[in-house]
Amino acid sequence: MYWTYILENEVDKSWYIGATSNLEKRIEEHQRGHGGATTGMKVGWKLIYCEGYINKEDAFGREKFLKSGSGRRFLKKQLAYYLA
């Protein structure tokens, strides 16, 4: 199983969008500052959204879409109650 996910920084409310085959491990890496350049500079990340895929290419393709302008608009609609 592959996952596309969104983390939100609890301090400045910025988002990180990623994809992985091991969601739990990847979130732990982000929280320890070993996730990547973006999440490594900040602390306090929490999972706010995820989608599961059987195919790796589908998960990483979805990650790419969610990082686009259309994808960001989709997420704002999808998470409207959370963001309110």
N, C-alpha and C. Protein backbone atom coordinates (compact mmCIF):
# COMPACT_ATOMS: atom_id res chain seq x y z
N MET A 1 0.85 -1.18 0.00
CA MET A 1 0.00 0.00 0.00
C MET A 1 0.89 1.24 0.00
N TYR A 2 0.47 2.25 -0.72
CA TYR A 2 1.19 3.53 -0.80
C TYR A 2 0.25 4.64 -0.34
N TRP A 3 0.84 5.65 0.23
CA TRP A 3 0.06 6.73 0.82
C TRP A 3 0.51 8.09 0.31
N THR A 4 -0.46 8.94 0.03
CA THR A 4 -0.23 10.36 -0.21
C THR A 4 -0.77 11.06 1.03
N TYR A 5 0.01 11.97 1.58
CA TYR A 5 -0.36 12.54 2.88
C TYR A 5 -0.06 14.03 2.96
N ILE A 6 -0.72 14.65 3.93
CA ILE A 6 -0.48 16.07 4.20
C ILE A 6 -0.22 16.23 5.69
N LEU A 7 0.88 16.89 5.99
CA LEU A 7 1.20 17.25 7.36
C LEU A 7 1.01 18.75 7.52
N GLU A 8 0.57 19.15 8.69
CA GLU A 8 0.44 20.57 8.99
C GLU A 8 1.35 20.90 10.16
N ASN A 9 2.04 22.01 10.06
CA ASN A 9 2.89 22.46 11.15
C ASN A 9 2.02 23.15 12.18
N GLU A 10 2.12 22.71 13.42
CA GLU A 10 1.26 23.24 14.48
C GLU A 10 1.61 24.68 14.87
N VAL A 11 2.80 25.13 14.52
CA VAL A 11 3.23 26.48 14.87
C VAL A 11 2.76 27.51 13.84
N ASP A 12 3.12 27.31 12.57
CA ASP A 12 2.79 28.32 11.54
C ASP A 12 1.72 27.87 10.54
N LYS A 13 1.17 26.69 10.75
CA LYS A 13 0.07 26.14 9.92
C LYS A 13 0.47 25.88 8.46
N SER A 14 1.77 25.82 8.17
CA SER A 14 2.21 25.48 6.81
C SER A 14 1.97 23.99 6.57
N TRP A 15 1.91 23.61 5.31
CA TRP A 15 1.65 22.22 4.92
C TRP A 15 2.86 21.60 4.27
N TYR A 16 2.96 20.29 4.42
CA TYR A 16 3.92 19.48 3.69
C TYR A 16 3.13 18.37 3.02
N ILE A 17 3.30 18.18 1.73
CA ILE A 17 2.61 17.13 0.98
C ILE A 17 3.64 16.12 0.53
N GLY A 18 3.39 14.84 0.79
CA GLY A 18 4.34 13.80 0.42
C GLY A 18 3.64 12.49 0.08
N ALA A 19 4.45 11.50 -0.29
CA ALA A 19 3.95 10.15 -0.59
C ALA A 19 4.98 9.15 -0.07
N THR A 20 4.49 7.99 0.36
CA THR A 20 5.36 6.98 0.96
C THR A 20 4.70 5.61 0.95
N SER A 21 5.50 4.59 1.18
CA SER A 21 4.94 3.23 1.32
C SER A 21 4.75 2.88 2.79
N ASN A 22 5.32 3.64 3.70
CA ASN A 22 5.19 3.37 5.14
C ASN A 22 4.83 4.68 5.84
N LEU A 23 3.56 4.94 5.95
CA LEU A 23 3.07 6.23 6.47
C LEU A 23 3.50 6.47 7.91
N GLU A 24 3.34 5.49 8.75
CA GLU A 24 3.67 5.66 10.17
C GLU A 24 5.15 6.00 10.36
N LYS A 25 6.02 5.26 9.69
CA LYS A 25 7.46 5.51 9.79
C LYS A 25 7.82 6.89 9.24
N ARG A 26 7.21 7.25 8.12
CA ARG A 26 7.53 8.53 7.49
C ARG A 26 7.13 9.71 8.37
N ILE A 27 5.97 9.61 9.02
CA ILE A 27 5.53 10.68 9.92
C ILE A 27 6.49 10.81 11.09
N GLU A 28 6.92 9.69 11.63
CA GLU A 28 7.90 9.71 12.73
C GLU A 28 9.19 10.38 12.28
N GLU A 29 9.63 10.11 11.06
CA GLU A 29 10.84 10.74 10.53
C GLU A 29 10.67 12.26 10.45
N HIS A 30 9.53 12.69 9.95
CA HIS A 30 9.25 14.13 9.86
C HIS A 30 9.27 14.76 11.26
N GLN A 31 8.65 14.10 12.21
CA GLN A 31 8.56 14.66 13.56
C GLN A 31 9.92 14.72 14.25
N ARG A 32 10.84 13.85 13.87
CA ARG A 32 12.19 13.86 14.45
C ARG A 32 13.12 14.80 13.69
N GLY A 33 12.63 15.41 12.60
CA GLY A 33 13.46 16.32 11.82
C GLY A 33 14.28 15.64 10.75
N HIS A 34 13.97 14.37 10.44
CA HIS A 34 14.70 13.62 9.43
C HIS A 34 13.87 13.38 8.17
N GLY A 35 12.77 14.09 8.03
CA GLY A 35 11.86 13.86 6.92
C GLY A 35 12.30 14.46 5.60
N GLY A 36 12.88 15.59 5.64
CA GLY A 36 13.28 16.29 4.43
C GLY A 36 13.68 17.71 4.78
N ALA A 37 14.12 18.45 3.79
CA ALA A 37 14.59 19.82 4.04
C ALA A 37 13.48 20.71 4.61
N THR A 38 12.30 20.60 4.07
CA THR A 38 11.19 21.45 4.51
C THR A 38 10.77 21.14 5.94
N THR A 39 10.54 19.87 6.24
CA THR A 39 10.08 19.51 7.58
C THR A 39 11.22 19.47 8.59
N GLY A 40 12.45 19.32 8.13
CA GLY A 40 13.58 19.28 9.04
C GLY A 40 13.87 20.61 9.71
N MET A 41 13.42 21.69 9.11
CA MET A 41 13.67 23.03 9.66
C MET A 41 12.67 23.42 10.74
N LYS A 42 11.58 22.66 10.86
CA LYS A 42 10.52 23.01 11.80
C LYS A 42 10.17 21.80 12.66
N VAL A 43 9.55 22.03 13.78
CA VAL A 43 9.05 20.96 14.64
C VAL A 43 7.55 21.10 14.76
N GLY A 44 6.89 20.04 15.22
CA GLY A 44 5.45 20.11 15.46
C GLY A 44 4.58 19.78 14.26
N TRP A 45 4.89 18.71 13.54
CA TRP A 45 4.10 18.29 12.39
C TRP A 45 3.03 17.30 12.82
N LYS A 46 1.83 17.43 12.23
CA LYS A 46 0.76 16.46 12.50
C LYS A 46 0.07 16.10 11.19
N LEU A 47 -0.38 14.87 11.10
CA LEU A 47 -1.08 14.38 9.92
C LEU A 47 -2.49 14.96 9.91
N ILE A 48 -2.88 15.57 8.78
CA ILE A 48 -4.24 16.11 8.67
C ILE A 48 -5.03 15.46 7.54
N TYR A 49 -4.36 14.71 6.65
CA TYR A 49 -5.06 14.11 5.50
C TYR A 49 -4.19 13.03 4.88
N CYS A 50 -4.82 11.94 4.45
CA CYS A 50 -4.08 10.93 3.70
C CYS A 50 -5.03 10.16 2.77
N GLU A 51 -4.46 9.63 1.71
CA GLU A 51 -5.18 8.80 0.75
C GLU A 51 -4.33 7.56 0.50
N GLY A 52 -4.97 6.40 0.42
CA GLY A 52 -4.25 5.16 0.18
C GLY A 52 -4.38 4.69 -1.26
N TYR A 53 -3.29 4.13 -1.80
CA TYR A 53 -3.25 3.63 -3.17
C TYR A 53 -2.55 2.28 -3.22
N ILE A 54 -2.98 1.42 -4.11
CA ILE A 54 -2.33 0.13 -4.31
C ILE A 54 -1.09 0.30 -5.18
N ASN A 55 -1.14 1.21 -6.12
CA ASN A 55 -0.07 1.40 -7.09
C ASN A 55 0.81 2.59 -6.70
N LYS A 56 2.12 2.38 -6.70
CA LYS A 56 3.09 3.42 -6.33
C LYS A 56 2.96 4.65 -7.23
N GLU A 57 2.84 4.43 -8.52
CA GLU A 57 2.75 5.54 -9.47
C GLU A 57 1.52 6.40 -9.21
N ASP A 58 0.41 5.77 -8.83
CA ASP A 58 -0.80 6.53 -8.52
C ASP A 58 -0.59 7.44 -7.31
N ALA A 59 0.05 6.92 -6.27
CA ALA A 59 0.29 7.71 -5.06
C ALA A 59 1.20 8.90 -5.35
N PHE A 60 2.29 8.65 -6.08
CA PHE A 60 3.23 9.74 -6.35
C PHE A 60 2.67 10.72 -7.39
N GLY A 61 1.82 10.23 -8.28
CA GLY A 61 1.13 11.12 -9.21
C GLY A 61 0.15 12.02 -8.48
N ARG A 62 -0.53 11.46 -7.48
CA ARG A 62 -1.46 12.25 -6.68
C ARG A 62 -0.71 13.30 -5.86
N GLU A 63 0.45 12.94 -5.34
CA GLU A 63 1.28 13.90 -4.62
C GLU A 63 1.60 15.10 -5.52
N LYS A 64 2.01 14.80 -6.73
CA LYS A 64 2.35 15.86 -7.69
C LYS A 64 1.14 16.76 -7.96
N PHE A 65 -0.03 16.14 -8.14
CA PHE A 65 -1.25 16.92 -8.37
C PHE A 65 -1.58 17.81 -7.17
N LEU A 66 -1.52 17.25 -5.96
CA LEU A 66 -1.88 18.03 -4.77
C LEU A 66 -0.95 19.22 -4.55
N LYS A 67 0.26 19.15 -5.07
CA LYS A 67 1.20 20.26 -4.95
C LYS A 67 0.94 21.35 -5.99
N SER A 68 0.07 21.08 -6.95
CA SER A 68 -0.24 22.06 -8.00
C SER A 68 -1.33 23.02 -7.51
N GLY A 69 -1.59 24.05 -8.27
CA GLY A 69 -2.64 25.00 -7.94
C GLY A 69 -4.01 24.35 -7.87
N SER A 70 -4.31 23.48 -8.83
CA SER A 70 -5.59 22.78 -8.83
C SER A 70 -5.70 21.85 -7.62
N GLY A 71 -4.60 21.22 -7.28
CA GLY A 71 -4.58 20.33 -6.13
C GLY A 71 -4.79 21.06 -4.83
N ARG A 72 -4.18 22.23 -4.71
CA ARG A 72 -4.36 23.05 -3.49
C ARG A 72 -5.82 23.49 -3.37
N ARG A 73 -6.44 23.85 -4.49
CA ARG A 73 -7.86 24.23 -4.46
C ARG A 73 -8.71 23.05 -4.04
N PHE A 74 -8.40 21.84 -4.56
CA PHE A 74 -9.12 20.64 -4.16
C PHE A 74 -9.02 20.44 -2.65
N LEU A 75 -7.81 20.57 -2.11
CA LEU A 75 -7.59 20.34 -0.68
C LEU A 75 -8.35 21.35 0.17
N LYS A 76 -8.41 22.58 -0.26
CA LYS A 76 -9.15 23.59 0.50
C LYS A 76 -10.63 23.25 0.56
N LYS A 77 -11.17 22.69 -0.52
CA LYS A 77 -12.57 22.25 -0.51
C LYS A 77 -12.74 20.98 0.32
N GLN A 78 -11.82 20.05 0.16
CA GLN A 78 -11.88 18.77 0.86
C GLN A 78 -11.77 18.95 2.38
N LEU A 79 -10.97 19.91 2.80
CA LEU A 79 -10.71 20.13 4.23
C LEU A 79 -11.41 21.39 4.75
N ALA A 80 -12.50 21.78 4.12
CA ALA A 80 -13.19 23.02 4.47
C ALA A 80 -13.57 23.10 5.94
N TYR A 81 -14.08 22.03 6.52
CA TYR A 81 -14.49 22.05 7.93
C TYR A 81 -13.28 22.10 8.85
N TYR A 82 -12.22 21.41 8.47
CA TYR A 82 -10.99 21.45 9.28
C TYR A 82 -10.39 22.85 9.27
N LEU A 83 -10.39 23.50 8.11
CA LEU A 83 -9.77 24.81 7.96
C LEU A 83 -10.61 25.95 8.54
N ALA A 84 -11.90 25.68 8.77
CA ALA A 84 -12.81 26.74 9.28
C ALA A 84 -12.51 27.10 10.72
